[in-house]
């Protein structure tokens, strides 16, 4: 399965609590934090909620 590298590029200050919790559930706490997540429906749903705060790079899979 392919993975996605997700980087937080905009601040969470002043965002709705739901958006902050979504970023935190992905392991993103401050600007510049990066995480690798599996490319599945759950991850894509989270990205859809806060995509404008993120930079997403897709990695090749097997």
N, C-alpha and C. Protein backbone atom coordinates (compact mmCIF):
# COMPACT_ATOMS: atom_id res chain seq x y z
N UNK A 1 0.84 -1.18 0.00
CA UNK A 1 0.00 0.00 0.00
C UNK A 1 0.88 1.24 0.00
N UNK A 2 0.46 2.26 -0.70
CA UNK A 2 1.22 3.51 -0.79
C UNK A 2 1.07 4.33 0.48
N UNK A 3 2.03 5.19 0.70
CA UNK A 3 2.01 6.09 1.85
C UNK A 3 2.00 7.53 1.37
N UNK A 4 1.64 8.43 2.27
CA UNK A 4 1.65 9.86 1.98
C UNK A 4 2.47 10.56 3.06
N UNK A 5 3.31 11.49 2.63
CA UNK A 5 4.04 12.33 3.57
C UNK A 5 3.23 13.61 3.71
N UNK A 6 2.91 13.96 4.95
CA UNK A 6 2.06 15.11 5.22
C UNK A 6 2.84 16.08 6.10
N UNK A 7 2.87 17.35 5.69
CA UNK A 7 3.62 18.38 6.42
C UNK A 7 2.67 19.53 6.74
N UNK A 8 2.70 19.99 7.99
CA UNK A 8 1.90 21.14 8.40
C UNK A 8 2.63 22.41 7.99
N UNK A 9 2.02 23.22 7.12
CA UNK A 9 2.67 24.41 6.60
C UNK A 9 2.05 25.71 7.09
N UNK A 10 0.87 25.65 7.68
CA UNK A 10 0.23 26.83 8.24
C UNK A 10 -0.10 26.60 9.70
N UNK A 11 -0.13 27.67 10.46
CA UNK A 11 -0.34 27.60 11.90
C UNK A 11 -1.74 27.12 12.26
N UNK A 12 -1.84 26.52 13.44
CA UNK A 12 -3.13 26.10 13.96
C UNK A 12 -3.76 27.17 14.85
N UNK A 13 -3.04 28.27 15.08
CA UNK A 13 -3.57 29.35 15.91
C UNK A 13 -4.83 29.93 15.29
N UNK A 14 -5.87 30.09 16.09
CA UNK A 14 -7.11 30.69 15.63
C UNK A 14 -8.01 29.75 14.84
N UNK A 15 -7.64 28.49 14.72
CA UNK A 15 -8.46 27.52 13.99
C UNK A 15 -9.52 26.95 14.91
N UNK A 16 -10.53 26.35 14.32
CA UNK A 16 -11.57 25.69 15.10
C UNK A 16 -10.98 24.51 15.85
N UNK A 17 -11.58 24.19 16.99
CA UNK A 17 -11.09 23.08 17.82
C UNK A 17 -11.07 21.76 17.04
N UNK A 18 -12.09 21.54 16.20
CA UNK A 18 -12.15 20.31 15.40
C UNK A 18 -10.94 20.20 14.48
N UNK A 19 -10.53 21.33 13.88
CA UNK A 19 -9.40 21.33 12.97
C UNK A 19 -8.10 21.05 13.71
N UNK A 20 -7.95 21.62 14.89
CA UNK A 20 -6.75 21.39 15.70
C UNK A 20 -6.68 19.92 16.11
N UNK A 21 -7.80 19.36 16.53
CA UNK A 21 -7.83 17.96 16.93
C UNK A 21 -7.54 17.02 15.75
N UNK A 22 -8.00 17.38 14.56
CA UNK A 22 -7.72 16.57 13.38
C UNK A 22 -6.23 16.57 13.09
N UNK A 23 -5.59 17.74 13.15
CA UNK A 23 -4.15 17.83 12.92
C UNK A 23 -3.39 17.05 13.99
N UNK A 24 -3.81 17.18 15.24
CA UNK A 24 -3.15 16.46 16.33
C UNK A 24 -3.28 14.95 16.18
N UNK A 25 -4.42 14.49 15.68
CA UNK A 25 -4.62 13.05 15.50
C UNK A 25 -3.70 12.48 14.43
N UNK A 26 -3.20 13.35 13.55
CA UNK A 26 -2.26 12.93 12.52
C UNK A 26 -0.82 13.10 12.98
N UNK A 27 -0.62 13.60 14.19
CA UNK A 27 0.73 13.78 14.72
C UNK A 27 1.33 15.11 14.37
N UNK A 28 0.52 16.08 13.96
CA UNK A 28 1.00 17.40 13.56
C UNK A 28 0.64 18.41 14.65
N UNK A 29 1.65 18.98 15.28
CA UNK A 29 1.41 19.89 16.40
C UNK A 29 1.86 21.32 16.12
N UNK A 30 2.95 21.47 15.35
CA UNK A 30 3.45 22.81 15.05
C UNK A 30 3.93 22.88 13.61
N UNK A 31 4.11 24.08 13.10
CA UNK A 31 4.52 24.27 11.72
C UNK A 31 5.82 23.52 11.46
N UNK A 32 5.87 22.81 10.34
CA UNK A 32 7.06 22.06 9.96
C UNK A 32 7.03 20.61 10.36
N UNK A 33 6.09 20.21 11.21
CA UNK A 33 5.97 18.81 11.61
C UNK A 33 5.58 17.97 10.39
N UNK A 34 6.21 16.82 10.27
CA UNK A 34 5.97 15.92 9.14
C UNK A 34 5.63 14.53 9.67
N UNK A 35 4.71 13.87 8.96
CA UNK A 35 4.33 12.52 9.33
C UNK A 35 4.08 11.71 8.06
N UNK A 36 4.23 10.41 8.17
CA UNK A 36 3.93 9.50 7.06
C UNK A 36 2.69 8.72 7.45
N UNK A 37 1.68 8.79 6.60
CA UNK A 37 0.40 8.14 6.87
C UNK A 37 0.07 7.20 5.71
N UNK A 38 -0.68 6.13 5.97
CA UNK A 38 -1.11 5.25 4.87
C UNK A 38 -2.13 5.96 3.99
N UNK A 39 -2.10 5.63 2.72
CA UNK A 39 -3.05 6.22 1.77
C UNK A 39 -4.33 5.40 1.80
N UNK A 40 -5.28 5.83 2.66
CA UNK A 40 -6.56 5.13 2.76
C UNK A 40 -7.68 6.16 2.93
N UNK A 41 -8.89 5.69 3.00
CA UNK A 41 -10.05 6.59 3.06
C UNK A 41 -10.05 7.44 4.33
N UNK A 42 -9.62 6.88 5.44
CA UNK A 42 -9.62 7.63 6.70
C UNK A 42 -8.64 8.80 6.63
N UNK A 43 -7.44 8.56 6.12
CA UNK A 43 -6.45 9.61 6.01
C UNK A 43 -6.90 10.68 5.02
N UNK A 44 -7.47 10.25 3.91
CA UNK A 44 -7.95 11.22 2.91
C UNK A 44 -9.09 12.08 3.46
N UNK A 45 -9.91 11.51 4.32
CA UNK A 45 -10.98 12.28 4.96
C UNK A 45 -10.43 13.36 5.86
N UNK A 46 -9.37 13.03 6.60
CA UNK A 46 -8.74 14.01 7.47
C UNK A 46 -8.11 15.12 6.65
N UNK A 47 -7.46 14.75 5.55
CA UNK A 47 -6.83 15.74 4.68
C UNK A 47 -7.88 16.67 4.07
N UNK A 48 -9.04 16.13 3.74
CA UNK A 48 -10.11 16.94 3.16
C UNK A 48 -10.57 18.02 4.13
N UNK A 49 -10.52 17.74 5.43
CA UNK A 49 -10.98 18.70 6.43
C UNK A 49 -10.01 19.86 6.62
N UNK A 50 -8.70 19.57 6.54
CA UNK A 50 -7.71 20.62 6.83
C UNK A 50 -6.64 20.71 5.74
N UNK A 51 -7.00 20.36 4.54
CA UNK A 51 -6.04 20.32 3.43
C UNK A 51 -5.34 21.62 3.15
N UNK A 52 -5.99 22.75 3.42
CA UNK A 52 -5.38 24.05 3.14
C UNK A 52 -4.26 24.38 4.13
N UNK A 53 -4.13 23.61 5.19
CA UNK A 53 -3.06 23.81 6.17
C UNK A 53 -1.87 22.90 5.89
N UNK A 54 -2.02 21.98 4.94
CA UNK A 54 -1.05 20.90 4.75
C UNK A 54 -0.39 20.95 3.38
N UNK A 55 0.77 20.28 3.30
CA UNK A 55 1.39 19.95 2.02
C UNK A 55 1.49 18.44 1.99
N UNK A 56 0.85 17.83 1.00
CA UNK A 56 0.78 16.37 0.91
C UNK A 56 1.60 15.89 -0.29
N UNK A 57 2.49 14.92 -0.03
CA UNK A 57 3.29 14.32 -1.08
C UNK A 57 3.02 12.81 -1.06
N UNK A 58 2.65 12.27 -2.21
CA UNK A 58 2.36 10.84 -2.28
C UNK A 58 3.64 10.08 -2.62
N UNK A 59 3.87 9.01 -1.88
CA UNK A 59 5.01 8.14 -2.11
C UNK A 59 4.56 6.90 -2.86
N UNK A 60 5.45 6.32 -3.64
CA UNK A 60 5.12 5.11 -4.38
C UNK A 60 4.93 3.93 -3.46
N UNK A 61 4.10 3.01 -3.87
CA UNK A 61 3.83 1.82 -3.08
C UNK A 61 4.28 0.57 -3.80
N UNK A 62 4.00 -0.58 -3.21
CA UNK A 62 4.38 -1.85 -3.83
C UNK A 62 3.32 -2.29 -4.80
